[in-house]
Amino acid sequence: MSDRYQSFAEFYPFYLSEHSNRTARRLHFVGTSLALLCLLELVMTRDLSWLILALVFGYGFAWFAHFQFEKNRPATFKYPLYSLMGDGRMFWEILTGKIPF
């Protein structure tokens, strides 16, 4: 990680600030949904091409959202683990209505 964030709890507010654009959050949500479906298919079929598709959907939608709508650099480049955790938490919070879709 980085000296800047000592815990995920410290990182998450920064993560949310990097996802303030509603369209970008929606694209993250769609990409994560598709990635999860691909991972489910991977488990069911044991075909590794689903893993590649999961990565393409998950990162592709998110990175497009950052460059096109947020106009910032994805946190994945500097904080890969915390960023993945943040995406999971943000996905759940959108799914449960805590963050508006």
Protein backbone atom coordinates (compact mmCIF):
# COMPACT_ATOMS: atom_id res chain seq x y z
CA MET A 1 0.00 0.00 0.00
CA SER A 2 1.15 3.49 0.73
CA ASP A 3 2.04 5.44 3.84
CA ARG A 4 -0.91 7.68 3.05
CA TYR A 5 -3.54 5.13 4.11
CA GLN A 6 -2.87 2.81 7.01
CA SER A 7 -6.22 1.02 6.75
CA PHE A 8 -9.12 0.45 4.43
CA ALA A 9 -11.29 2.54 6.77
CA GLU A 10 -8.99 5.50 6.09
CA PHE A 11 -8.93 4.80 2.35
CA TYR A 12 -12.66 4.37 1.71
CA PRO A 13 -13.67 8.06 2.04
CA PHE A 14 -10.99 8.89 -0.55
CA TYR A 15 -12.30 6.08 -2.76
CA LEU A 16 -15.83 7.49 -2.59
CA SER A 17 -14.57 10.98 -3.39
CA GLU A 18 -13.02 9.56 -6.56
CA HIS A 19 -16.45 8.18 -7.53
CA SER A 20 -18.64 11.25 -7.15
CA ASN A 21 -20.01 11.15 -10.70
CA ARG A 22 -23.26 9.18 -10.84
CA THR A 23 -22.66 7.87 -14.37
CA ALA A 24 -19.22 6.65 -13.33
CA ARG A 25 -20.70 4.84 -10.31
CA ARG A 26 -23.31 3.25 -12.56
CA LEU A 27 -20.61 2.04 -14.94
CA HIS A 28 -18.66 0.61 -12.00
CA PHE A 29 -21.78 -1.18 -10.84
CA VAL A 30 -22.50 -2.64 -14.27
CA GLY A 31 -18.89 -3.70 -14.74
CA THR A 32 -18.75 -5.34 -11.32
CA SER A 33 -22.06 -7.10 -11.96
CA LEU A 34 -20.80 -8.49 -15.25
CA ALA A 35 -17.49 -9.49 -13.66
CA LEU A 36 -19.31 -11.37 -10.90
CA LEU A 37 -21.45 -13.18 -13.45
CA CYS A 38 -18.30 -14.16 -15.34
CA LEU A 39 -16.72 -15.46 -12.12
CA LEU A 40 -19.84 -17.51 -11.44
CA GLU A 41 -19.59 -18.94 -14.95
CA LEU A 42 -15.90 -19.67 -14.33
CA VAL A 43 -16.80 -21.70 -11.24
CA MET A 44 -19.54 -23.56 -13.09
CA THR A 45 -17.57 -24.34 -16.26
CA ARG A 46 -13.93 -24.19 -15.11
CA ASP A 47 -13.20 -22.38 -18.36
CA LEU A 48 -10.46 -19.79 -17.68
CA SER A 49 -11.65 -17.54 -20.48
CA TRP A 50 -14.37 -16.39 -18.05
CA LEU A 51 -11.65 -15.05 -15.75
CA ILE A 52 -10.26 -12.95 -18.57
CA LEU A 53 -13.74 -11.65 -19.36
CA ALA A 54 -14.31 -10.85 -15.67
CA LEU A 55 -11.17 -8.72 -15.65
CA VAL A 56 -12.08 -7.02 -18.93
CA PHE A 57 -15.59 -6.16 -17.73
CA GLY A 58 -14.59 -5.19 -14.19
CA TYR A 59 -11.63 -3.01 -15.07
CA GLY A 60 -12.82 -1.92 -18.51
CA PHE A 61 -16.05 -0.33 -17.31
CA ALA A 62 -14.36 1.22 -14.27
CA TRP A 63 -11.39 2.68 -16.13
CA PHE A 64 -13.61 4.03 -18.89
CA ALA A 65 -15.75 5.69 -16.21
CA HIS A 66 -12.71 7.30 -14.59
CA PHE A 67 -11.20 8.64 -17.79
CA GLN A 68 -14.47 9.69 -19.45
CA PHE A 69 -16.62 10.94 -16.55
CA GLU A 70 -14.59 11.38 -13.37
CA LYS A 71 -11.58 12.81 -15.22
CA ASN A 72 -9.23 11.20 -12.72
CA ARG A 73 -6.75 8.35 -12.56
CA PRO A 74 -8.17 5.07 -11.20
CA ALA A 75 -7.06 4.37 -7.63
CA THR A 76 -6.29 0.83 -8.81
CA PHE A 77 -2.95 2.02 -10.13
CA LYS A 78 -1.73 3.16 -6.71
CA TYR A 79 -3.88 1.16 -4.26
CA PRO A 80 -4.80 -2.12 -6.01
CA LEU A 81 -6.03 -4.09 -2.99
CA TYR A 82 -7.85 -1.24 -1.27
CA SER A 83 -9.36 -0.25 -4.61
CA LEU A 84 -10.73 -3.75 -5.18
CA MET A 85 -12.13 -3.75 -1.64
CA GLY A 86 -13.63 -0.31 -2.25
CA ASP A 87 -15.31 -1.48 -5.42
CA GLY A 88 -16.85 -4.39 -3.56
CA ARG A 89 -18.10 -2.19 -0.76
CA MET A 90 -19.41 0.49 -3.11
CA PHE A 91 -21.16 -2.23 -5.16
CA TRP A 92 -22.85 -3.53 -2.01
CA GLU A 93 -23.82 -0.04 -0.86
CA ILE A 94 -25.37 0.72 -4.26
CA LEU A 95 -27.15 -2.64 -4.22
CA THR A 96 -28.58 -1.99 -0.75
CA GLY A 97 -29.52 1.64 -1.50
CA LYS A 98 -26.99 3.32 0.79
CA ILE A 99 -25.38 4.98 -2.24
CA PRO A 100 -27.74 6.20 -5.00
CA PHE A 101 -27.63 4.37 -8.30
